[in-house]
C-alpha atoms as a PDB file:
ATOM      1  CA  MET A   1     225.333 224.033 225.254  1.00  0.00           C
ATOM      2  CA  SER A   2     224.059 225.708 228.428  1.00  0.00           C
ATOM      3  CA  VAL A   3     220.482 226.875 228.971  1.00  0.00           C
ATOM      4  CA  TYR A   4     221.694 230.455 228.653  1.00  0.00           C
ATOM      5  CA  GLU A   5     223.334 229.730 225.289  1.00  0.00           C
ATOM      6  CA  LYS A   6     220.191 227.985 224.010  1.00  0.00           C
ATOM      7  CA  GLU A   7     217.988 230.909 225.041  1.00  0.00           C
ATOM      8  CA  SER A   8     220.456 233.376 223.573  1.00  0.00           C
ATOM      9  CA  ARG A   9     220.430 231.471 220.264  1.00  0.00           C
ATOM     10  CA  LYS A  10     216.600 231.424 220.224  1.00  0.00           C
ATOM     11  CA  ILE A  11     216.440 235.178 220.781  1.00  0.00           C
ATOM     12  CA  ARG A  12     219.115 235.781 218.131  1.00  0.00           C
ATOM     13  CA  THR A  13     217.187 233.621 215.656  1.00  0.00           C
ATOM     14  CA  MET A  14     213.928 235.457 216.348  1.00  0.00           C
ATOM     15  CA  VAL A  15     215.593 238.853 215.938  1.00  0.00           C
ATOM     16  CA  LEU A  16     217.367 237.860 212.697  1.00  0.00           C
ATOM     17  CA  THR A  17     214.150 236.364 211.307  1.00  0.00           C
ATOM     18  CA  ALA A  18     212.233 239.564 212.075  1.00  0.00           C
ATOM     19  CA  LEU A  19     215.041 241.720 210.669  1.00  0.00           C
ATOM     20  CA  LEU A  20     215.243 239.793 207.404  1.00  0.00           C
ATOM     21  CA  MET A  21     211.441 239.697 207.165  1.00  0.00           C
ATOM     22  CA  ALA A  22     211.464 243.498 207.484  1.00  0.00           C
ATOM     23  CA  LEU A  23     214.242 243.858 204.888  1.00  0.00           C
ATOM     24  CA  ILE A  24     212.267 241.675 202.462  1.00  0.00           C
ATOM     25  CA  LEU A  25     209.189 243.829 203.075  1.00  0.00           C
ATOM     26  CA  VAL A  26     211.086 247.101 202.612  1.00  0.00           C
ATOM     27  CA  LEU A  27     212.982 246.060 199.468  1.00  0.00           C
ATOM     28  CA  THR A  28     209.801 244.616 197.971  1.00  0.00           C
ATOM     29  CA  PHE A  29     207.638 247.601 198.897  1.00  0.00           C
ATOM     30  CA  ALA A  30     210.067 250.452 198.263  1.00  0.00           C
ATOM     31  CA  THR A  31     211.426 249.280 194.910  1.00  0.00           C
ATOM     32  CA  LYS A  32     208.275 248.082 193.185  1.00  0.00           C
ATOM     33  CA  ILE A  33     208.012 248.729 189.465  1.00  0.00           C
ATOM     34  CA  PRO A  34     204.582 247.940 187.938  1.00  0.00           C
ATOM     35  CA  ILE A  35     204.535 245.389 185.126  1.00  0.00           C
ATOM     36  CA  PRO A  36     202.757 246.665 181.999  1.00  0.00           C
ATOM     37  CA  ALA A  37     199.834 244.451 180.904  1.00  0.00           C
ATOM     38  CA  SER A  38     199.698 242.879 184.358  1.00  0.00           C
ATOM     39  CA  GLN A  39     198.436 243.702 187.827  1.00  0.00           C
ATOM     40  CA  GLY A  40     201.782 242.726 189.405  1.00  0.00           C
ATOM     41  CA  TYR A  41     205.123 244.420 189.912  1.00  0.00           C
ATOM     42  CA  ILE A  42     208.831 243.601 190.098  1.00  0.00           C
ATOM     43  CA  HIS A  43     211.139 244.555 192.966  1.00  0.00           C
ATOM     44  CA  LEU A  44     214.468 243.915 194.721  1.00  0.00           C
ATOM     45  CA  GLY A  45     212.994 241.782 197.513  1.00  0.00           C
ATOM     46  CA  ASP A  46     214.283 238.541 195.993  1.00  0.00           C
ATOM     47  CA  CYS A  47     217.876 239.405 196.899  1.00  0.00           C
ATOM     48  CA  MET A  48     216.832 239.534 200.576  1.00  0.00           C
ATOM     49  CA  ILE A  49     214.882 236.288 200.224  1.00  0.00           C
ATOM     50  CA  PHE A  50     218.073 234.631 198.997  1.00  0.00           C
ATOM     51  CA  MET A  51     220.021 236.241 201.857  1.00  0.00           C
ATOM     52  CA  ALA A  52     217.407 235.125 204.417  1.00  0.00           C
ATOM     53  CA  VAL A  53     217.948 231.510 203.356  1.00  0.00           C
ATOM     54  CA  ILE A  54     221.734 231.835 203.468  1.00  0.00           C
ATOM     55  CA  VAL A  55     221.682 233.469 206.893  1.00  0.00           C
ATOM     56  CA  LEU A  56     218.800 231.615 208.568  1.00  0.00           C
ATOM     57  CA  GLY A  57     218.500 228.271 206.799  1.00  0.00           C
ATOM     58  CA  ARG A  58     215.383 226.461 205.668  1.00  0.00           C
ATOM     59  CA  LYS A  59     212.836 226.933 208.451  1.00  0.00           C
ATOM     60  CA  TYR A  60     213.371 230.564 209.406  1.00  0.00           C
ATOM     61  CA  GLY A  61     214.417 231.664 205.920  1.00  0.00           C
ATOM     62  CA  THR A  62     211.127 230.304 204.591  1.00  0.00           C
ATOM     63  CA  ILE A  63     209.143 232.083 207.309  1.00  0.00           C
ATOM     64  CA  ALA A  64     210.917 235.403 206.635  1.00  0.00           C
ATOM     65  CA  ALA A  65     210.386 235.083 202.869  1.00  0.00           C
ATOM     66  CA  ALA A  66     206.716 234.109 203.044  1.00  0.00           C
ATOM     67  CA  VAL A  67     205.625 236.640 205.664  1.00  0.00           C
ATOM     68  CA  GLY A  68     207.795 239.538 204.450  1.00  0.00           C
ATOM     69  CA  SER A  69     206.582 239.161 200.854  1.00  0.00           C
ATOM     70  CA  ALA A  70     202.916 238.819 201.823  1.00  0.00           C
ATOM     71  CA  LEU A  71     203.123 241.887 204.088  1.00  0.00           C
ATOM     72  CA  ALA A  72     204.677 243.914 201.261  1.00  0.00           C
ATOM     73  CA  ASP A  73     201.732 243.002 199.021  1.00  0.00           C
ATOM     74  CA  ILE A  74     199.231 243.973 201.708  1.00  0.00           C
ATOM     75  CA  MET A  75     200.959 247.280 202.479  1.00  0.00           C
ATOM     76  CA  GLY A  76     201.502 248.070 198.805  1.00  0.00           C
ATOM     77  CA  GLY A  77     197.871 247.748 197.745  1.00  0.00           C
ATOM     78  CA  TYR A  78     198.199 244.282 196.220  1.00  0.00           C
ATOM     79  CA  ALA A  79     196.397 242.383 198.984  1.00  0.00           C
ATOM     80  CA  PHE A  80     194.855 239.971 196.469  1.00  0.00           C
ATOM     81  CA  TYR A  81     198.411 238.766 195.725  1.00  0.00           C
ATOM     82  CA  ALA A  82     199.335 238.260 199.412  1.00  0.00           C
ATOM     83  CA  PRO A  83     198.249 234.589 199.676  1.00  0.00           C
ATOM     84  CA  VAL A  84     200.010 233.808 196.391  1.00  0.00           C
ATOM     85  CA  SER A  85     203.179 235.607 197.491  1.00  0.00           C
ATOM     86  CA  PHE A  86     203.085 233.843 200.858  1.00  0.00           C
ATOM     87  CA  LEU A  87     203.022 230.441 199.129  1.00  0.00           C
ATOM     88  CA  VAL A  88     205.271 231.201 196.147  1.00  0.00           C
ATOM     89  CA  LYS A  89     207.989 233.122 198.011  1.00  0.00           C
ATOM     90  CA  GLY A  90     207.864 230.609 200.863  1.00  0.00           C
ATOM     91  CA  ALA A  91     208.316 227.793 198.339  1.00  0.00           C
ATOM     92  CA  MET A  92     211.148 229.712 196.684  1.00  0.00           C
ATOM     93  CA  ALA A  93     213.037 229.969 199.980  1.00  0.00           C
ATOM     94  CA  PHE A  94     212.289 226.376 200.993  1.00  0.00           C
ATOM     95  CA  ILE A  95     213.534 225.014 197.668  1.00  0.00           C
ATOM     96  CA  LEU A  96     216.744 227.065 197.749  1.00  0.00           C
ATOM     97  CA  ALA A  97     217.499 225.934 201.307  1.00  0.00           C
ATOM     98  CA  SER A  98     216.716 222.290 200.523  1.00  0.00           C
ATOM     99  CA  PHE A  99     218.981 222.425 197.472  1.00  0.00           C
ATOM    100  CA  LEU A 100     221.820 224.038 199.414  1.00  0.00           C
ATOM    101  CA  GLU A 101     221.527 221.537 202.271  1.00  0.00           C
ATOM    102  CA  LYS A 102     222.012 218.601 199.922  1.00  0.00           C
ATOM    103  CA  ALA A 103     224.424 220.171 197.452  1.00  0.00           C
ATOM    104  CA  LEU A 104     226.870 221.775 199.889  1.00  0.00           C
ATOM    105  CA  GLU A 105     227.215 218.593 201.949  1.00  0.00           C
ATOM    106  CA  LYS A 106     227.908 216.249 199.055  1.00  0.00           C
ATOM    107  CA  SER A 107     229.450 218.265 196.255  1.00  0.00           C
ATOM    108  CA  LYS A 108     233.022 219.271 195.527  1.00  0.00           C
ATOM    109  CA  VAL A 109     231.766 222.075 193.264  1.00  0.00           C
ATOM    110  CA  HIS A 110     232.517 225.660 194.348  1.00  0.00           C
ATOM    111  CA  SER A 111     229.874 226.961 196.780  1.00  0.00           C
ATOM    112  CA  MET A 112     229.210 230.108 194.716  1.00  0.00           C
ATOM    113  CA  ILE A 113     228.283 227.965 191.699  1.00  0.00           C
ATOM    114  CA  LEU A 114     226.018 225.775 193.823  1.00  0.00           C
ATOM    115  CA  ALA A 115     224.326 228.819 195.345  1.00  0.00           C
ATOM    116  CA  ALA A 116     223.739 230.283 191.873  1.00  0.00           C
ATOM    117  CA  ALA A 117     222.278 226.983 190.659  1.00  0.00           C
ATOM    118  CA  GLY A 118     219.975 226.820 193.677  1.00  0.00           C
ATOM    119  CA  MET A 119     218.847 230.396 193.125  1.00  0.00           C
ATOM    120  CA  VAL A 120     218.044 229.653 189.478  1.00  0.00           C
ATOM    121  CA  ILE A 121     215.957 226.628 190.496  1.00  0.00           C
ATOM    122  CA  ALA A 122     214.176 228.610 193.219  1.00  0.00           C
ATOM    123  CA  GLY A 123     213.636 231.512 190.816  1.00  0.00           C
ATOM    124  CA  ALA A 124     212.151 229.200 188.196  1.00  0.00           C
ATOM    125  CA  VAL A 125     209.693 227.905 190.803  1.00  0.00           C
ATOM    126  CA  MET A 126     208.757 231.500 191.649  1.00  0.00           C
ATOM    127  CA  VAL A 127     208.191 232.372 187.985  1.00  0.00           C
ATOM    128  CA  ALA A 128     206.070 229.251 187.465  1.00  0.00           C
ATOM    129  CA  GLY A 129     204.075 229.874 190.653  1.00  0.00           C
ATOM    130  CA  TYR A 130     203.163 233.438 189.729  1.00  0.00           C
ATOM    131  CA  TYR A 131     202.449 232.405 186.135  1.00  0.00           C
ATOM    132  CA  LEU A 132     199.961 229.762 187.307  1.00  0.00           C
ATOM    133  CA  ALA A 133     198.325 232.123 189.811  1.00  0.00           C
ATOM    134  CA  GLU A 134     197.993 234.898 187.242  1.00  0.00           C
ATOM    135  CA  SER A 135     196.571 232.409 184.738  1.00  0.00           C
ATOM    136  CA  LEU A 136     193.800 231.775 187.243  1.00  0.00           C
ATOM    137  CA  PHE A 137     193.356 235.512 187.912  1.00  0.00           C
ATOM    138  CA  TYR A 138     193.070 236.373 184.212  1.00  0.00           C
ATOM    139  CA  GLY A 139     191.345 233.213 183.021  1.00  0.00           C
ATOM    140  CA  ASN A 140     193.912 232.592 180.258  1.00  0.00           C
ATOM    141  CA  PHE A 141     197.516 231.528 179.837  1.00  0.00           C
ATOM    142  CA  LEU A 142     198.608 234.304 177.474  1.00  0.00           C
ATOM    143  CA  THR A 143     198.309 237.475 179.573  1.00  0.00           C
ATOM    144  CA  PRO A 144     200.618 236.249 182.392  1.00  0.00           C
ATOM    145  CA  LEU A 145     203.504 235.769 179.945  1.00  0.00           C
ATOM    146  CA  ALA A 146     204.448 239.458 180.354  1.00  0.00           C
ATOM    147  CA  GLY A 147     204.745 238.921 184.090  1.00  0.00           C
ATOM    148  CA  ALA A 148     206.789 235.734 183.647  1.00  0.00           C
ATOM    149  CA  GLY A 149     209.497 237.583 181.748  1.00  0.00           C
ATOM    150  CA  MET A 150     209.639 240.358 184.310  1.00  0.00           C
ATOM    151  CA  ASN A 151     209.675 237.871 187.217  1.00  0.00           C
ATOM    152  CA  THR A 152     212.616 236.141 185.551  1.00  0.00           C
ATOM    153  CA  LEU A 153     214.451 239.460 185.345  1.00  0.00           C
ATOM    154  CA  GLN A 154     213.553 240.130 188.994  1.00  0.00           C
ATOM    155  CA  PHE A 155     215.133 236.945 190.357  1.00  0.00           C
ATOM    156  CA  ILE A 156     218.203 237.326 188.128  1.00  0.00           C
ATOM    157  CA  VAL A 157     218.802 240.827 189.510  1.00  0.00           C
ATOM    158  CA  GLY A 158     218.174 239.509 193.033  1.00  0.00           C
ATOM    159  CA  MET A 159     220.693 236.748 192.423  1.00  0.00           C
ATOM    160  CA  ALA A 160     223.260 239.202 191.009  1.00  0.00           C
ATOM    161  CA  ILE A 161     223.024 241.219 194.245  1.00  0.00           C
ATOM    162  CA  ALA A 162     222.731 238.321 196.711  1.00  0.00           C
ATOM    163  CA  LEU A 163     225.685 236.212 195.488  1.00  0.00           C
ATOM    164  CA  PRO A 164     228.450 238.808 195.974  1.00  0.00           C
ATOM    165  CA  LEU A 165     226.780 240.073 199.154  1.00  0.00           C
ATOM    166  CA  ALA A 166     226.645 236.546 200.620  1.00  0.00           C
ATOM    167  CA  GLY A 167     230.220 235.878 199.558  1.00  0.00           C
ATOM    168  CA  ALA A 168     231.473 239.071 201.167  1.00  0.00           C
ATOM    169  CA  LEU A 169     229.459 238.685 204.384  1.00  0.00           C
ATOM    170  CA  SER A 170     230.510 235.031 204.730  1.00  0.00           C
ATOM    171  CA  LYS A 171     234.054 236.317 205.247  1.00  0.00           C
ATOM    172  CA  THR A 172     233.080 238.592 208.137  1.00  0.00           C
ATOM    173  CA  PRO A 173     232.764 237.512 211.781  1.00  0.00           C
ATOM    174  CA  ALA A 174     228.968 237.429 211.361  1.00  0.00           C
ATOM    175  CA  GLY A 175     229.377 234.924 208.508  1.00  0.00           C
ATOM    176  CA  LYS A 176     230.542 232.192 210.864  1.00  0.00           C
ATOM    177  CA  ASP A 177     226.965 231.833 212.107  1.00  0.00           C
ATOM    178  CA  PHE A 178     225.292 231.771 208.681  1.00  0.00           C
ATOM    179  CA  ALA A 179     223.300 228.648 207.951  1.00  0.00           C
ATOM    180  CA  PHE A 180     225.178 228.378 204.637  1.00  0.00           C
ATOM    181  CA  ARG A 181     228.617 229.795 203.898  1.00  0.00           C
ATOM    182  CA  ILE A 182     228.971 231.033 200.346  1.00  0.00           C
ATOM    183  CA  ASN A 183     232.647 231.698 199.715  1.00  0.00           C
ATOM    184  CA  GLN A 184     233.929 233.511 196.665  1.00  0.00           C
ATOM    185  CA  GLY A 185     237.348 231.931 196.861  1.00  0.00           C
ATOM    186  CA  GLY A 186     236.806 228.383 198.093  1.00  0.00           C
ATOM    187  CA  GLN A 187     234.557 225.631 199.325  1.00  0.00           C
ATOM    188  CA  GLY A 188     231.473 226.655 201.261  1.00  0.00           C
ATOM    189  CA  GLY A 189     229.170 224.468 203.223  1.00  0.00           C
ATOM    190  CA  ARG A 190     226.874 224.379 206.173  1.00  0.00           C
ATOM    191  CA  THR A 191     228.275 225.935 209.286  1.00  0.00           C
ATOM    192  CA  ALA A 192     228.771 223.912 212.422  1.00  0.00           C
ATOM    193  CA  THR A 193     226.240 226.099 214.204  1.00  0.00           C
ATOM    194  CA  ALA A 194     223.649 226.098 211.422  1.00  0.00           C
ATOM    195  CA  LEU A 195     220.207 227.334 212.414  1.00  0.00           C
ATOM    196  CA  LYS A 196     217.437 224.778 211.982  1.00  0.00           C
END
């Protein structure tokens, strides 16, 4: 790879990271629905977190998820949640990417099934992370249960949007450069030019 190609790839990665960070922020901020009996809210940002991992891979997908989610909290008047969102959404992206890296390389299972399984695991970590943080905020373990149910619904909706979107985009010319190819009709896997 020439110096020009390396620099071009770095710029492309920076631009895609910023773009996906902004999409996470916008979908989190613009679609927020307050959770009754809680100080939190649900949103559609999780679908873009899942897409950020699929497009960018572990490192940059995690950065986009953590920063985009924290900025949405700050801009949306939930600044006290920003550190929690930074850690929880970053962990969610990191776990999904780590799962996909291992599973897609070694498994013969359909890539769409593996992606769904990874999203469920990452979503469960998100639900647990917010539940623990809200338990500390409220000083009890009962009040955050309302938020846990809504957070579960949030990642399921995000997954229902992200899976077909990733499958469709993986078939386009842009899909050849995704960190993970999620194919609706066949085996997926890491791309040869996966972003690190």
